[in-house]
Amino acid sequence: MAAARVLGTWSRNAVRLTCVRYFQTYNNVHILKPQHVCSVGYPLLKSSQPRHSLRTAAVLQGQVVQFKLSDIGEGIREVTIKEWYVKEGDTVSQFDSICEVQSDKASVTITSRYDGVIKRLYYNLDDIAYVGKPLIDIETEALKDSEEDVVETPAVAHDEHTHQEIKGQKTLATPAVRRLAMENNIKLSEVVGSGKDGRILKEDILNFLEKQTGAILPPSPKSEITPPPPQPRDRPFPTPVSKPPVFLGKDRTEPVTGFQKAMVKTMSAALKIPHFGYCDEVDLTELVKLREELKPVALARGIKLSFMPFFLKAASLGLLQFPILNASVDENCQSITYKASHNIGIAMDTERGLIVPNVKNVQVRSVFEIAMELNRLQKLGSLGQLSTTDLTGGTFTLSNIGSIGGTYAKPVILPPEVAIGALGAIKALPRFDQKGDVYKAQIMNVSWSADHRVIDGATMSRFSNLWKSYLENPAFMLLDLK
């Protein structure tokens, strides 16, 4: 049950005193319009809109409410508890972070809908929580009686007032900042945020803590490498004592959850696809020079410029010529859907496993706009905060496995897509120019996989050649940019 508050509105009209009561709930705001009013010394009359000065008083709450896990969307029925930001006995306010949960598609931070005290946590870390089931028990905060005069004015629609009141209490902060505040017993509502839209930053918490305690937090010490003291030459080296190794480790069994669970489902479906492989090498010498020229310009705009924006834009230009590679097939491969948008996925290796967010509508983005979006996705991916929208809707995928190592790969198609490319590491290798002279070339290998049910080898080869030409001669991309 949501907490209720009763507002008494008193109005003088001639010699009669009328009392109107409004009821509202904080979970989903409902206004119960009164059908009658009570009148001193008169029979019941129909109510009218109050217009005069009013006084408000809050009533005591103190009621334990079951906070249930809401529907996250995308058909998700269960999630894994990855981190609790509160513990039993903690006091929370509306919009304070309660916990972080992870589905097989994204991580989501659950926030409180009430002010009160945490009485019970229903799950431990890594437990499976189900949508619609209780997540925590929270005792709603008992409000002290208070009165305030309101300027004489026509009655305001209470649904609008309530929305503004709740919205005014919202605090913007990352889970890391909320955790720092919780560890130091700091209420976020008391901290003034210096970030965009009032977002509370780590520096705001530290400054607040310094003002409260007068202590300055020392910077984290950096590890210093100290050389070992020189040993005298005449000092004999001790002979190591040989002892049989003792291994105390035990096998560990754990359930497959989160992104791993999604990978099991996707890769099992990929086994039904007959993969066709195609490999080639690309000379990126000219692109390396161009990127070095543009990096200072991008940095001046606050963007880190890698090679990936060029790879994605060249792929999009190629998909315009070979739309079959930007298509999808149904489960039984009875129909093909040609996708209008080029939502190109980027395989990312994170601490939580492999994730593939995608850059939406690459066909209408500039190289710089693609770089901006990649920066955003990489930042959220490293924090585990990618949304379901970022992780769904892909139509074509590139895997930059070369950033870790390796040259060739055998990428696996992500159903219902029909093609994927894996990019190897860029290496300086000797090559011959058109005159037969040896020069230092920047070489990258690319490995393609295509669904051989709908894509033949010639189509994959022609697409690869076009993509390669754009990268080996970046100026060619200008001719086809729109």
Protein backbone atom coordinates (compact mmCIF):
# COMPACT_ATOMS: atom_id res chain seq x y z
CA MET A 1 0.00 0.00 0.00
CA ALA A 2 1.25 3.41 -0.86
CA ALA A 3 1.55 6.03 1.84
CA ALA A 4 -1.41 8.40 2.11
CA ARG A 5 -1.54 12.02 3.13
CA VAL A 6 -4.62 13.98 4.07
CA LEU A 7 -4.84 17.65 3.29
CA GLY A 8 -7.56 19.61 5.04
CA THR A 9 -8.71 22.67 3.16
CA TRP A 10 -10.73 25.20 5.08
CA SER A 11 -12.77 27.84 3.34
CA ARG A 12 -15.13 30.54 4.61
CA ASN A 13 -18.09 31.26 2.42
CA ALA A 14 -20.54 33.67 4.09
CA VAL A 15 -21.10 32.34 7.66
CA ARG A 16 -20.57 28.66 6.90
CA LEU A 17 -17.30 26.75 7.41
CA THR A 18 -16.75 23.91 4.96
CA CYS A 19 -14.12 21.17 5.10
CA VAL A 20 -12.86 19.41 1.99
CA ARG A 21 -10.53 16.44 2.09
CA TYR A 22 -8.24 15.25 -0.67
CA PHE A 23 -6.50 11.90 -0.79
CA GLN A 24 -3.41 11.15 -2.85
CA THR A 25 -0.97 8.24 -3.17
CA TYR A 26 2.70 8.51 -4.06
CA ASN A 27 3.07 5.35 -6.07
CA ASN A 28 0.64 6.20 -8.82
CA VAL A 29 -0.91 9.57 -8.13
CA HIS A 30 -4.70 9.41 -7.70
CA ILE A 31 -6.98 12.26 -6.68
CA LEU A 32 -10.31 11.34 -5.07
CA LYS A 33 -12.63 14.26 -5.74
CA PRO A 34 -15.06 14.80 -2.84
CA GLN A 35 -18.73 14.23 -3.49
CA HIS A 36 -19.92 16.07 -0.38
CA VAL A 37 -18.56 18.47 2.20
CA CYS A 38 -19.25 18.72 5.91
CA SER A 39 -20.88 21.94 7.08
CA VAL A 40 -21.21 23.31 10.62
CA GLY A 41 -24.92 23.44 11.53
CA TYR A 42 -26.15 22.78 7.99
CA PRO A 43 -27.09 19.68 5.97
CA LEU A 44 -24.68 18.12 3.47
CA LEU A 45 -24.05 20.26 0.41
CA LYS A 46 -22.25 19.67 -2.93
CA SER A 47 -18.59 20.75 -2.90
CA SER A 48 -17.02 23.64 -4.78
CA GLN A 49 -13.41 24.58 -5.62
CA PRO A 50 -11.61 26.19 -2.63
CA ARG A 51 -10.20 29.64 -3.27
CA HIS A 52 -9.09 31.08 0.05
CA SER A 53 -6.07 30.80 2.32
CA LEU A 54 -5.43 27.25 3.46
CA ARG A 55 -3.38 25.52 6.10
CA THR A 56 -1.88 22.07 5.60
CA ALA A 57 -0.98 19.38 8.13
CA ALA A 58 0.76 16.05 7.46
CA VAL A 59 -0.35 12.93 9.32
CA LEU A 60 1.82 10.26 10.83
CA GLN A 61 2.68 7.33 8.57
CA GLY A 62 4.89 4.58 10.08
CA GLN A 63 3.49 1.82 7.88
CA VAL A 64 5.55 -1.09 6.46
CA VAL A 65 5.22 -1.30 2.69
CA GLN A 66 6.35 -4.13 0.41
CA PHE A 67 8.42 -2.63 -2.41
CA LYS A 68 7.94 -4.95 -5.39
CA LEU A 69 10.21 -5.30 -8.42
CA SER A 70 8.52 -3.44 -11.28
CA ASP A 71 8.34 -4.59 -14.89
CA ILE A 72 11.62 -3.63 -16.59
CA GLY A 73 10.29 -4.24 -20.11
CA GLU A 74 11.54 -6.25 -23.12
CA GLY A 75 9.73 -9.32 -21.74
CA ILE A 76 12.19 -9.64 -18.84
CA ARG A 77 10.71 -11.68 -15.98
CA GLU A 78 13.76 -12.26 -13.79
CA VAL A 79 16.96 -10.39 -12.91
CA THR A 80 20.10 -11.00 -10.85
CA ILE A 81 20.88 -8.84 -7.80
CA LYS A 82 24.36 -7.49 -8.50
CA GLU A 83 24.75 -4.88 -5.75
CA TRP A 84 22.83 -3.50 -2.80
CA TYR A 85 23.21 0.22 -2.08
CA VAL A 86 21.28 -0.04 1.19
CA LYS A 87 21.11 -2.37 4.19
CA GLU A 88 18.50 -3.09 6.82
CA GLY A 89 18.03 -0.07 9.08
CA ASP A 90 19.12 2.50 6.49
CA THR A 91 16.99 5.60 5.92
CA VAL A 92 16.19 6.38 2.29
CA SER A 93 14.40 9.10 0.37
CA GLN A 94 12.48 9.03 -2.87
CA PHE A 95 14.69 8.37 -5.91
CA ASP A 96 17.60 7.11 -3.76
CA SER A 97 19.25 4.04 -5.30
CA ILE A 98 18.19 0.76 -3.72
CA CYS A 99 20.09 -1.83 -5.74
CA GLU A 100 21.50 -2.68 -9.13
CA VAL A 101 20.01 -5.62 -11.03
CA GLN A 102 21.18 -7.27 -14.21
CA SER A 103 19.03 -8.98 -16.79
CA ASP A 104 20.28 -10.90 -19.79
CA LYS A 105 20.24 -7.62 -21.73
CA ALA A 106 21.25 -4.73 -19.47
CA SER A 107 21.95 -3.50 -15.95
CA VAL A 108 19.30 -1.37 -14.24
CA THR A 109 19.45 0.69 -11.05
CA ILE A 110 16.28 0.38 -8.93
CA THR A 111 15.33 3.54 -6.99
CA SER A 112 13.02 4.04 -4.02
CA ARG A 113 9.49 5.34 -4.41
CA TYR A 114 9.14 6.15 -0.70
CA ASP A 115 10.75 7.99 2.19
CA GLY A 116 11.40 5.64 5.08
CA VAL A 117 13.54 3.00 6.77
CA ILE A 118 14.64 -0.30 5.18
CA LYS A 119 13.22 -3.14 7.29
CA ARG A 120 14.05 -6.21 5.19
CA LEU A 121 16.04 -7.23 2.10
CA TYR A 122 14.46 -10.22 0.38
CA TYR A 123 17.54 -11.27 -1.63
CA ASN A 124 21.27 -11.72 -1.25
CA LEU A 125 23.87 -10.81 -3.87
CA ASP A 126 23.65 -12.90 -7.07
CA ASP A 127 20.17 -14.16 -6.13
CA ILE A 128 17.48 -14.28 -8.82
CA ALA A 129 14.67 -11.75 -8.27
CA TYR A 130 11.36 -12.00 -10.10
CA VAL A 131 9.22 -9.20 -11.49
CA GLY A 132 6.17 -8.55 -9.32
CA LYS A 133 7.69 -10.16 -6.21
CA PRO A 134 8.76 -8.20 -3.09
CA LEU A 135 12.24 -6.71 -3.24
CA ILE A 136 12.42 -4.95 0.14
CA ASP A 137 10.19 -3.98 3.05
CA ILE A 138 10.28 -0.28 3.85
CA GLU A 139 8.68 1.49 6.82
CA THR A 140 7.39 4.77 5.50
CA GLU A 141 8.79 7.76 7.35
CA ALA A 142 6.57 9.28 10.05
CA LEU A 143 6.09 12.90 9.15
CA LYS A 144 6.01 15.55 11.83
CA ASP A 145 2.99 17.82 12.04
CA SER A 146 3.65 21.02 10.18
CA GLU A 147 1.61 23.96 9.07
CA GLU A 148 2.22 26.52 6.43
CA ASP A 149 0.17 29.38 5.08
CA VAL A 150 -0.63 29.41 1.40
CA VAL A 151 -1.27 32.60 -0.53
CA GLU A 152 -4.89 33.13 -1.46
CA THR A 153 -5.21 31.76 -4.97
CA PRO A 154 -7.47 29.48 -7.00
CA ALA A 155 -6.96 25.79 -6.20
CA VAL A 156 -4.08 24.15 -8.11
CA ALA A 157 -4.66 20.77 -9.74
CA HIS A 158 -3.18 18.39 -7.14
CA ASP A 159 -1.85 15.92 -9.69
CA GLU A 160 0.39 18.65 -11.14
CA HIS A 161 1.47 19.82 -7.66
CA THR A 162 2.34 16.31 -6.59
CA HIS A 163 4.37 15.70 -9.74
CA GLN A 164 6.37 18.87 -9.19
CA GLU A 165 6.87 18.03 -5.52
CA ILE A 166 8.22 14.56 -6.28
CA LYS A 167 10.29 15.76 -9.19
CA GLY A 168 11.86 18.42 -6.98
CA GLN A 169 13.24 15.72 -4.67
CA LYS A 170 15.01 13.80 -7.42
CA THR A 171 18.77 13.54 -7.08
CA LEU A 172 21.02 12.70 -9.99
CA ALA A 173 24.12 10.65 -9.14
CA THR A 174 25.93 7.58 -10.38
CA PRO A 175 25.87 4.36 -8.32
CA ALA A 176 29.52 4.93 -7.36
CA VAL A 177 28.71 8.38 -5.96
CA ARG A 178 25.68 7.01 -4.10
CA ARG A 179 27.85 4.27 -2.61
CA LEU A 180 30.42 6.84 -1.46
CA ALA A 181 27.67 8.89 0.18
CA MET A 182 26.21 5.81 1.88
CA GLU A 183 29.60 4.73 3.27
CA ASN A 184 30.03 8.18 4.85
CA ASN A 185 26.41 8.45 6.09
CA ILE A 186 25.67 11.43 3.85
CA LYS A 187 22.16 12.14 2.56
CA LEU A 188 22.23 13.10 -1.10
CA SER A 189 19.37 15.52 -0.51
CA GLU A 190 21.74 17.65 1.58
CA VAL A 191 24.45 17.85 -1.09
CA VAL A 192 24.41 20.51 -3.81
CA GLY A 193 25.39 18.99 -7.16
CA SER A 194 27.80 20.83 -9.43
CA GLY A 195 27.30 18.63 -12.48
CA LYS A 196 24.93 18.99 -15.41
CA ASP A 197 21.26 19.37 -14.35
CA GLY A 198 22.40 19.40 -10.72
CA ARG A 199 24.03 15.97 -10.91
CA ILE A 200 26.03 15.16 -7.77
CA LEU A 201 29.66 14.33 -8.52
CA LYS A 202 32.29 12.57 -6.45
CA GLU A 203 33.95 15.95 -5.77
CA ASP A 204 30.68 17.27 -4.31
CA ILE A 205 30.58 14.41 -1.79
CA LEU A 206 34.22 14.95 -0.82
CA ASN A 207 33.72 18.71 -0.45
CA PHE A 208 30.61 18.15 1.67
CA LEU A 209 32.47 15.67 3.87
CA GLU A 210 35.36 18.14 4.28
CA LYS A 211 32.99 20.90 5.41
CA GLN A 212 31.22 18.58 7.85
CA THR A 213 34.32 17.08 9.46
CA GLY A 214 37.01 19.63 8.65
CA ALA A 215 39.19 16.81 7.38
CA ILE A 216 40.78 16.74 3.97
CA LEU A 217 40.72 13.32 2.37
CA PRO A 218 44.22 12.33 1.27
CA PRO A 219 44.72 11.43 -2.36
CA SER A 220 45.06 7.76 -3.12
CA PRO A 221 48.73 6.86 -2.85
CA LYS A 222 50.43 5.80 -6.02
CA SER A 223 52.50 2.71 -5.90
CA GLU A 224 56.16 3.51 -6.18
CA ILE A 225 58.66 1.03 -7.49
CA THR A 226 61.68 0.88 -5.22
CA PRO A 227 64.71 -1.00 -6.48
CA PRO A 228 65.90 -3.81 -4.26
CA PRO A 229 69.01 -3.06 -2.23
CA PRO A 230 72.20 -4.28 -3.85
CA GLN A 231 73.46 -7.52 -2.47
CA PRO A 232 77.14 -8.00 -1.71
CA ARG A 233 78.85 -10.33 -4.11
CA ASP A 234 80.29 -12.39 -1.33
CA ARG A 235 76.86 -13.02 0.26
CA PRO A 236 75.90 -16.67 -0.32
CA PHE A 237 72.51 -17.28 -1.89
CA PRO A 238 70.24 -19.43 0.27
CA THR A 239 69.37 -22.83 -1.09
CA PRO A 240 65.59 -23.15 -1.46
CA VAL A 241 64.01 -25.90 0.60
CA SER A 242 62.10 -28.29 -1.61
CA LYS A 243 58.62 -28.97 -0.27
CA PRO A 244 55.88 -30.89 -1.97
CA PRO A 245 53.21 -28.49 -3.22
CA VAL A 246 49.94 -28.52 -1.31
CA PHE A 247 46.85 -27.56 -3.28
CA LEU A 248 43.83 -26.59 -1.21
CA GLY A 249 41.56 -25.38 -3.97
CA LYS A 250 38.04 -26.73 -4.47
CA ASP A 251 35.81 -26.92 -7.51
CA ARG A 252 33.12 -24.28 -7.67
CA THR A 253 29.73 -24.54 -9.34
CA GLU A 254 27.67 -21.44 -10.04
CA PRO A 255 24.59 -20.75 -12.17
CA VAL A 256 24.80 -19.13 -15.59
CA THR A 257 23.26 -15.67 -15.24
CA GLY A 258 23.19 -12.20 -16.75
CA PHE A 259 25.09 -11.63 -19.98
CA GLN A 260 26.43 -15.20 -19.94
CA LYS A 261 22.87 -16.47 -20.00
CA ALA A 262 22.11 -14.25 -22.98
CA MET A 263 25.25 -15.55 -24.74
CA VAL A 264 24.14 -19.16 -24.23
CA LYS A 265 20.79 -18.39 -25.84
CA THR A 266 22.27 -16.43 -28.77
CA MET A 267 25.12 -18.79 -29.57
CA SER A 268 22.83 -21.82 -29.39
CA ALA A 269 20.66 -20.18 -32.04
CA ALA A 270 23.77 -19.32 -34.10
CA LEU A 271 24.65 -23.02 -34.36
CA LYS A 272 21.72 -23.43 -36.77
CA ILE A 273 23.30 -20.95 -39.24
CA PRO A 274 25.65 -22.29 -41.96
CA HIS A 275 28.58 -19.85 -41.74
CA PHE A 276 30.57 -18.77 -44.77
CA GLY A 277 34.02 -17.33 -44.00
CA TYR A 278 36.06 -14.79 -45.97
CA CYS A 279 39.37 -13.13 -44.99
CA ASP A 280 41.47 -10.33 -46.43
CA GLU A 281 44.08 -7.77 -45.42
CA VAL A 282 43.69 -4.00 -45.55
CA ASP A 283 46.48 -1.44 -45.93
CA LEU A 284 45.58 1.34 -43.47
CA THR A 285 48.69 3.47 -44.08
CA GLU A 286 46.75 6.46 -45.42
CA LEU A 287 44.03 6.15 -42.79
CA VAL A 288 46.63 6.12 -40.01
CA LYS A 289 48.03 9.41 -41.34
CA LEU A 290 44.55 10.95 -41.61
CA ARG A 291 43.63 9.93 -38.06
CA GLU A 292 46.83 11.48 -36.68
CA GLU A 293 45.88 14.76 -38.37
CA LEU A 294 42.32 14.69 -37.01
CA LYS A 295 43.06 13.52 -33.44
CA PRO A 296 43.94 17.03 -32.14
CA VAL A 297 40.76 18.43 -33.71
CA ALA A 298 38.65 15.73 -32.05
CA LEU A 299 40.37 16.21 -28.70
CA ALA A 300 39.62 19.94 -28.88
CA ARG A 301 35.96 18.93 -29.10
CA GLY A 302 36.34 16.56 -26.16
CA ILE A 303 36.17 13.37 -28.23
CA LYS A 304 38.64 10.51 -28.46
CA LEU A 305 39.01 9.55 -32.14
CA SER A 306 39.83 5.89 -32.79
CA PHE A 307 39.78 3.91 -36.04
CA MET A 308 36.33 2.44 -35.32
CA PRO A 309 34.29 5.46 -36.55
CA PHE A 310 36.00 5.10 -39.96
CA PHE A 311 35.39 1.33 -40.00
CA LEU A 312 31.69 1.83 -39.18
CA LYS A 313 31.17 4.59 -41.75
CA ALA A 314 32.90 2.58 -44.48
CA ALA A 315 30.74 -0.43 -43.60
CA SER A 316 27.58 1.69 -43.81
CA LEU A 317 28.56 2.97 -47.26
CA GLY A 318 29.12 -0.62 -48.32
CA LEU A 319 25.75 -1.73 -46.93
CA LEU A 320 24.04 0.85 -49.14
CA GLN A 321 25.40 -1.04 -52.14
CA PHE A 322 24.79 -4.53 -50.67
CA PRO A 323 21.61 -4.27 -48.54
CA ILE A 324 21.34 -8.06 -48.21
CA LEU A 325 24.11 -7.87 -45.59
CA ASN A 326 21.97 -5.47 -43.51
CA ALA A 327 19.00 -7.82 -43.49
CA SER A 328 17.50 -10.34 -41.10
CA VAL A 329 15.76 -13.67 -41.55
CA ASP A 330 12.97 -15.32 -39.58
CA GLU A 331 13.58 -18.40 -37.47
CA ASN A 332 12.77 -20.81 -40.30
CA CYS A 333 14.48 -18.67 -42.95
CA GLN A 334 11.29 -18.29 -44.95
CA SER A 335 11.42 -14.51 -45.29
CA ILE A 336 14.08 -11.77 -45.46
CA THR A 337 13.63 -8.30 -43.98
CA TYR A 338 15.86 -5.56 -45.40
CA LYS A 339 16.59 -3.08 -42.63
CA ALA A 340 16.37 0.64 -43.46
CA SER A 341 18.59 1.71 -40.55
CA HIS A 342 22.25 0.76 -40.25
CA ASN A 343 22.45 -0.07 -36.53
CA ILE A 344 25.99 -1.41 -36.42
CA GLY A 345 26.93 -3.35 -33.31
CA ILE A 346 30.34 -3.17 -31.63
CA ALA A 347 31.48 -6.19 -29.63
CA MET A 348 32.92 -5.01 -26.29
CA ASP A 349 34.86 -7.03 -23.73
CA THR A 350 33.85 -5.95 -20.22
CA GLU A 351 34.32 -7.27 -16.69
CA ARG A 352 30.79 -8.66 -16.89
CA GLY A 353 31.37 -10.47 -20.16
CA LEU A 354 30.84 -9.85 -23.87
CA ILE A 355 28.28 -7.19 -24.75
CA VAL A 356 27.32 -5.83 -28.17
CA PRO A 357 25.81 -2.33 -28.06
CA ASN A 358 25.10 -0.70 -31.39
CA VAL A 359 25.40 2.74 -32.96
CA LYS A 360 21.99 3.65 -34.32
CA ASN A 361 21.51 5.07 -37.86
CA VAL A 362 25.15 5.12 -38.92
CA GLN A 363 24.02 5.92 -42.48
CA VAL A 364 23.01 9.47 -41.45
CA ARG A 365 25.84 10.19 -39.00
CA SER A 366 29.16 11.86 -39.69
CA VAL A 367 32.43 10.27 -38.65
CA PHE A 368 32.64 12.71 -35.73
CA GLU A 369 29.06 11.92 -34.61
CA ILE A 370 29.86 8.21 -34.73
CA ALA A 371 32.94 8.85 -32.57
CA MET A 372 30.81 10.72 -30.02
CA GLU A 373 28.35 7.86 -29.78
CA LEU A 374 31.14 5.29 -29.48
CA ASN A 375 32.67 7.28 -26.62
CA ARG A 376 29.31 7.26 -24.84
CA LEU A 377 28.75 3.52 -25.33
CA GLN A 378 32.27 2.63 -24.22
CA LYS A 379 31.94 4.71 -21.06
CA LEU A 380 28.58 3.21 -20.12
CA GLY A 381 29.81 -0.27 -21.03
CA SER A 382 32.79 -0.01 -18.68
CA LEU A 383 30.42 1.08 -15.87
CA GLY A 384 27.87 -1.61 -16.66
CA GLN A 385 25.16 1.01 -17.28
CA LEU A 386 24.18 0.35 -20.89
CA SER A 387 20.43 0.51 -21.44
CA THR A 388 18.28 -2.07 -23.17
CA THR A 389 17.92 0.34 -26.11
CA ASP A 390 21.70 0.45 -26.53
CA LEU A 391 21.91 -3.35 -26.63
CA THR A 392 19.01 -4.19 -28.94
CA GLY A 393 18.04 -3.48 -32.54
CA GLY A 394 21.39 -4.25 -34.20
CA THR A 395 21.46 -5.04 -37.94
CA PHE A 396 25.19 -5.66 -38.61
CA THR A 397 28.17 -6.23 -36.31
CA LEU A 398 31.90 -5.53 -36.18
CA SER A 399 34.17 -7.12 -33.56
CA ASN A 400 37.39 -5.28 -32.81
CA ILE A 401 39.18 -8.35 -31.45
CA GLY A 402 42.49 -6.88 -32.59
CA SER A 403 42.43 -4.40 -29.71
CA ILE A 404 43.22 -7.38 -27.47
CA GLY A 405 45.40 -9.29 -29.91
CA GLY A 406 45.39 -11.64 -32.85
CA THR A 407 45.11 -11.24 -36.59
CA TYR A 408 42.46 -13.61 -37.93
CA ALA A 409 39.29 -14.83 -36.24
CA LYS A 410 36.16 -16.82 -36.97
CA PRO A 411 33.33 -14.56 -35.82
CA VAL A 412 29.92 -16.03 -35.00
CA ILE A 413 26.81 -14.37 -36.43
CA LEU A 414 24.33 -12.86 -33.97
CA PRO A 415 20.84 -14.00 -35.02
CA PRO A 416 18.72 -12.67 -36.63
CA GLU A 417 21.56 -10.77 -38.37
CA VAL A 418 23.19 -12.35 -41.42
CA ALA A 419 26.78 -11.02 -41.36
CA ILE A 420 29.57 -10.05 -38.98
CA GLY A 421 33.19 -8.89 -39.30
CA ALA A 422 36.18 -9.36 -36.99
CA LEU A 423 39.04 -6.86 -37.16
CA GLY A 424 42.58 -7.93 -36.33
CA ALA A 425 45.44 -5.93 -34.84
CA ILE A 426 47.12 -3.23 -36.96
CA LYS A 427 50.76 -4.15 -37.54
CA ALA A 428 53.65 -2.49 -39.34
CA LEU A 429 54.74 -4.89 -42.10
CA PRO A 430 56.86 -4.57 -45.27
CA ARG A 431 54.92 -4.38 -48.52
CA PHE A 432 55.67 -3.53 -52.14
CA ASP A 433 54.31 -0.39 -53.80
CA GLN A 434 53.33 -0.16 -57.48
CA LYS A 435 56.95 0.49 -58.49
CA GLY A 436 58.21 -2.60 -56.70
CA ASP A 437 59.82 -0.68 -53.84
CA VAL A 438 59.46 -1.92 -50.28
CA TYR A 439 57.74 0.42 -47.82
CA LYS A 440 56.46 0.26 -44.25
CA ALA A 441 52.73 -0.48 -44.38
CA GLN A 442 50.11 -0.50 -41.62
CA ILE A 443 48.29 -3.79 -42.22
CA MET A 444 45.06 -5.03 -40.63
CA ASN A 445 43.42 -8.38 -41.31
CA VAL A 446 39.65 -8.70 -41.47
CA SER A 447 37.59 -11.87 -41.16
CA TRP A 448 33.97 -11.97 -42.34
CA SER A 449 31.22 -14.49 -41.59
CA ALA A 450 27.97 -14.56 -43.52
CA ASP A 451 24.78 -16.62 -43.45
CA HIS A 452 25.32 -18.89 -46.46
CA ARG A 453 21.59 -19.52 -46.75
CA VAL A 454 21.00 -16.01 -48.09
CA ILE A 455 24.48 -14.63 -48.90
CA ASP A 456 26.86 -16.17 -51.43
CA GLY A 457 30.62 -15.86 -51.46
CA ALA A 458 30.74 -13.43 -54.39
CA THR A 459 28.49 -10.92 -52.58
CA MET A 460 30.59 -11.08 -49.43
CA SER A 461 33.80 -10.63 -51.46
CA ARG A 462 32.48 -7.60 -53.36
CA PHE A 463 31.29 -5.94 -50.15
CA SER A 464 34.69 -6.55 -48.53
CA ASN A 465 36.50 -5.06 -51.54
CA LEU A 466 34.35 -1.92 -51.42
CA TRP A 467 34.82 -1.54 -47.66
CA LYS A 468 38.56 -2.05 -48.11
CA SER A 469 38.79 0.60 -50.85
CA TYR A 470 37.20 3.22 -48.59
CA LEU A 471 39.73 2.54 -45.83
CA GLU A 472 42.79 2.34 -48.07
CA ASN A 473 41.76 5.57 -49.80
CA PRO A 474 39.84 7.63 -47.20
CA ALA A 475 39.26 10.43 -49.72
CA PHE A 476 37.00 8.04 -51.66
CA MET A 477 34.50 8.15 -48.82
CA LEU A 478 33.93 11.85 -49.49
CA LEU A 479 32.48 11.01 -52.90
CA ASP A 480 29.71 8.87 -51.39
CA LEU A 481 28.99 10.77 -48.17
CA LYS A 482 25.54 12.31 -48.04
